[in-house]
């Protein structure tokens, strides 16, 4: 496989992962919810956890750290 193209095996893997995580595809972007992604990886046998991030409540500590 070259650096600029994928193999049929890579395409199949990406398709299967997209199905597992219930990926949504649009012209502008693609994505899955954190919950669906977490469940998809659990199906594959991975022990995953995720945390939510709230930019409003976390931005002040980040700004303070950036100025130190």
N, C-alpha and C. Protein backbone atom coordinates (compact mmCIF):
# COMPACT_ATOMS: atom_id res chain seq x y z
N UNK A 1 0.85 -1.19 0.00
CA UNK A 1 0.00 0.00 0.00
C UNK A 1 0.89 1.25 0.00
N UNK A 2 0.60 2.15 -0.91
CA UNK A 2 1.37 3.40 -0.96
C UNK A 2 0.89 4.35 0.13
N UNK A 3 1.58 5.46 0.28
CA UNK A 3 1.20 6.46 1.28
C UNK A 3 -0.03 7.25 0.88
N UNK A 4 -0.49 7.10 -0.37
CA UNK A 4 -1.56 7.94 -0.87
C UNK A 4 -2.84 7.19 -1.21
N UNK A 5 -2.86 5.89 -1.03
CA UNK A 5 -4.08 5.13 -1.32
C UNK A 5 -4.20 3.98 -0.33
N UNK A 6 -5.42 3.57 -0.09
CA UNK A 6 -5.66 2.48 0.84
C UNK A 6 -5.89 1.18 0.10
N UNK A 7 -5.84 0.12 0.83
CA UNK A 7 -6.11 -1.19 0.25
C UNK A 7 -7.58 -1.53 0.43
N UNK A 8 -8.03 -2.57 -0.22
CA UNK A 8 -9.41 -3.00 -0.05
C UNK A 8 -9.65 -3.46 1.39
N UNK A 9 -8.61 -4.01 2.03
CA UNK A 9 -8.74 -4.41 3.44
C UNK A 9 -8.94 -3.21 4.34
N UNK A 10 -8.23 -2.12 4.06
CA UNK A 10 -8.39 -0.89 4.84
C UNK A 10 -9.79 -0.33 4.65
N UNK A 11 -10.27 -0.34 3.42
CA UNK A 11 -11.63 0.16 3.13
C UNK A 11 -12.67 -0.66 3.88
N UNK A 12 -12.50 -1.98 3.89
CA UNK A 12 -13.45 -2.85 4.58
C UNK A 12 -13.42 -2.59 6.09
N UNK A 13 -12.23 -2.41 6.65
CA UNK A 13 -12.09 -2.12 8.08
C UNK A 13 -12.79 -0.80 8.43
N UNK A 14 -12.55 0.24 7.64
CA UNK A 14 -13.16 1.54 7.90
C UNK A 14 -14.68 1.47 7.79
N UNK A 15 -15.20 0.74 6.80
CA UNK A 15 -16.64 0.57 6.65
C UNK A 15 -17.22 -0.13 7.86
N UNK A 16 -16.58 -1.23 8.28
CA UNK A 16 -17.09 -1.99 9.43
C UNK A 16 -17.04 -1.17 10.71
N UNK A 17 -15.99 -0.37 10.90
CA UNK A 17 -15.92 0.50 12.08
C UNK A 17 -17.03 1.55 12.03
N UNK A 18 -17.28 2.11 10.86
CA UNK A 18 -18.34 3.10 10.70
C UNK A 18 -19.71 2.52 11.07
N UNK A 19 -19.96 1.29 10.66
CA UNK A 19 -21.22 0.63 11.00
C UNK A 19 -21.30 0.41 12.50
N UNK A 20 -20.21 -0.09 13.10
CA UNK A 20 -20.21 -0.38 14.54
C UNK A 20 -20.49 0.85 15.40
N UNK A 21 -19.94 1.99 15.00
CA UNK A 21 -20.11 3.20 15.81
C UNK A 21 -21.29 4.05 15.33
N UNK A 22 -22.06 3.52 14.39
CA UNK A 22 -23.23 4.23 13.85
C UNK A 22 -22.85 5.60 13.30
N UNK A 23 -21.79 5.62 12.49
CA UNK A 23 -21.27 6.85 11.92
C UNK A 23 -22.30 7.52 11.03
N UNK A 24 -22.44 8.82 11.15
CA UNK A 24 -23.30 9.62 10.28
C UNK A 24 -22.41 10.33 9.27
N UNK A 25 -22.78 10.27 8.01
CA UNK A 25 -22.00 10.90 6.94
C UNK A 25 -22.83 11.98 6.26
N UNK A 26 -22.22 13.14 6.06
CA UNK A 26 -22.84 14.21 5.28
C UNK A 26 -21.79 14.77 4.33
N UNK A 27 -22.20 15.70 3.50
CA UNK A 27 -21.25 16.32 2.56
C UNK A 27 -20.20 17.15 3.30
N UNK A 28 -20.57 17.70 4.45
CA UNK A 28 -19.67 18.61 5.17
C UNK A 28 -18.83 17.94 6.25
N UNK A 29 -19.34 16.86 6.82
CA UNK A 29 -18.62 16.24 7.94
C UNK A 29 -19.16 14.84 8.19
N UNK A 30 -18.49 14.12 9.04
CA UNK A 30 -18.98 12.82 9.48
C UNK A 30 -18.67 12.69 10.96
N UNK A 31 -19.44 11.87 11.63
CA UNK A 31 -19.20 11.70 13.05
C UNK A 31 -20.17 10.72 13.68
N UNK A 32 -19.87 10.37 14.90
CA UNK A 32 -20.72 9.48 15.70
C UNK A 32 -20.80 10.06 17.10
N UNK A 33 -21.85 9.71 17.80
CA UNK A 33 -21.94 10.18 19.18
C UNK A 33 -20.89 9.45 20.02
N UNK A 34 -20.50 10.06 21.10
CA UNK A 34 -19.53 9.41 21.99
C UNK A 34 -20.08 8.10 22.53
N UNK A 35 -21.36 8.08 22.84
CA UNK A 35 -21.99 6.88 23.37
C UNK A 35 -21.97 5.75 22.34
N UNK A 36 -22.34 6.05 21.09
CA UNK A 36 -22.32 5.02 20.04
C UNK A 36 -20.90 4.54 19.76
N UNK A 37 -19.94 5.46 19.74
CA UNK A 37 -18.55 5.07 19.53
C UNK A 37 -18.07 4.18 20.66
N UNK A 38 -18.37 4.55 21.89
CA UNK A 38 -18.00 3.76 23.05
C UNK A 38 -18.59 2.35 22.96
N UNK A 39 -19.88 2.26 22.62
CA UNK A 39 -20.53 0.96 22.50
C UNK A 39 -19.93 0.13 21.37
N UNK A 40 -19.60 0.77 20.26
CA UNK A 40 -18.99 0.06 19.14
C UNK A 40 -17.65 -0.55 19.51
N UNK A 41 -16.83 0.21 20.23
CA UNK A 41 -15.53 -0.33 20.63
C UNK A 41 -15.67 -1.40 21.70
N UNK A 42 -16.69 -1.30 22.55
CA UNK A 42 -16.97 -2.38 23.52
C UNK A 42 -17.30 -3.66 22.77
N UNK A 43 -18.06 -3.55 21.67
CA UNK A 43 -18.41 -4.70 20.85
C UNK A 43 -17.16 -5.41 20.34
N UNK A 44 -16.12 -4.63 20.05
CA UNK A 44 -14.85 -5.20 19.57
C UNK A 44 -13.98 -5.74 20.70
N UNK A 45 -14.43 -5.57 21.94
CA UNK A 45 -13.67 -6.10 23.07
C UNK A 45 -12.75 -5.10 23.74
N UNK A 46 -12.82 -3.82 23.33
CA UNK A 46 -12.01 -2.79 23.96
C UNK A 46 -12.71 -2.29 25.22
N UNK A 47 -11.95 -2.04 26.27
CA UNK A 47 -12.48 -1.46 27.49
C UNK A 47 -12.27 0.04 27.40
N UNK A 48 -13.31 0.76 27.04
CA UNK A 48 -13.18 2.20 26.83
C UNK A 48 -14.07 2.97 27.80
N UNK A 49 -13.68 4.17 28.06
CA UNK A 49 -14.47 5.12 28.85
C UNK A 49 -14.35 6.47 28.17
N UNK A 50 -15.32 7.30 28.38
CA UNK A 50 -15.21 8.66 27.86
C UNK A 50 -15.74 9.63 28.89
N UNK A 51 -15.26 10.85 28.78
CA UNK A 51 -15.72 11.90 29.67
C UNK A 51 -16.31 13.01 28.81
N UNK A 52 -17.24 13.73 29.36
CA UNK A 52 -17.79 14.87 28.64
C UNK A 52 -16.94 16.10 28.92
N UNK A 53 -16.93 17.00 28.00
CA UNK A 53 -16.15 18.22 28.13
C UNK A 53 -17.08 19.40 27.87
N UNK A 54 -17.11 20.32 28.79
CA UNK A 54 -17.93 21.51 28.65
C UNK A 54 -16.99 22.70 28.50
N UNK A 55 -16.93 23.26 27.31
CA UNK A 55 -16.01 24.36 27.04
C UNK A 55 -16.27 25.56 27.93
N UNK A 56 -17.51 25.81 28.29
CA UNK A 56 -17.84 26.97 29.13
C UNK A 56 -17.24 26.83 30.52
N UNK A 57 -17.39 25.68 31.13
CA UNK A 57 -16.90 25.51 32.49
C UNK A 57 -15.41 25.23 32.55
N UNK A 58 -14.82 24.78 31.44
CA UNK A 58 -13.39 24.43 31.46
C UNK A 58 -12.49 25.48 30.83
N UNK A 59 -13.04 26.50 30.22
CA UNK A 59 -12.19 27.46 29.51
C UNK A 59 -11.41 28.36 30.46
N UNK A 60 -11.97 28.74 31.60
CA UNK A 60 -11.24 29.62 32.52
C UNK A 60 -9.98 28.95 33.08
N UNK A 61 -10.04 27.70 33.58
CA UNK A 61 -8.80 27.08 34.05
C UNK A 61 -7.76 26.93 32.94
N UNK A 62 -8.19 26.67 31.70
CA UNK A 62 -7.26 26.54 30.60
C UNK A 62 -6.61 27.87 30.29
N UNK A 63 -7.37 28.95 30.33
CA UNK A 63 -6.78 30.28 30.07
C UNK A 63 -5.78 30.63 31.16
N UNK A 64 -6.10 30.30 32.41
CA UNK A 64 -5.18 30.59 33.52
C UNK A 64 -3.88 29.81 33.34
N UNK A 65 -3.99 28.55 32.92
CA UNK A 65 -2.78 27.75 32.71
C UNK A 65 -1.95 28.30 31.56
N UNK A 66 -2.60 28.84 30.53
CA UNK A 66 -1.88 29.34 29.37
C UNK A 66 -1.06 30.59 29.70
N UNK A 67 -1.49 31.33 30.71
CA UNK A 67 -0.79 32.57 31.07
C UNK A 67 0.32 32.35 32.08
N UNK A 68 0.46 31.16 32.58
CA UNK A 68 1.54 30.87 33.56
C UNK A 68 2.82 30.48 32.87
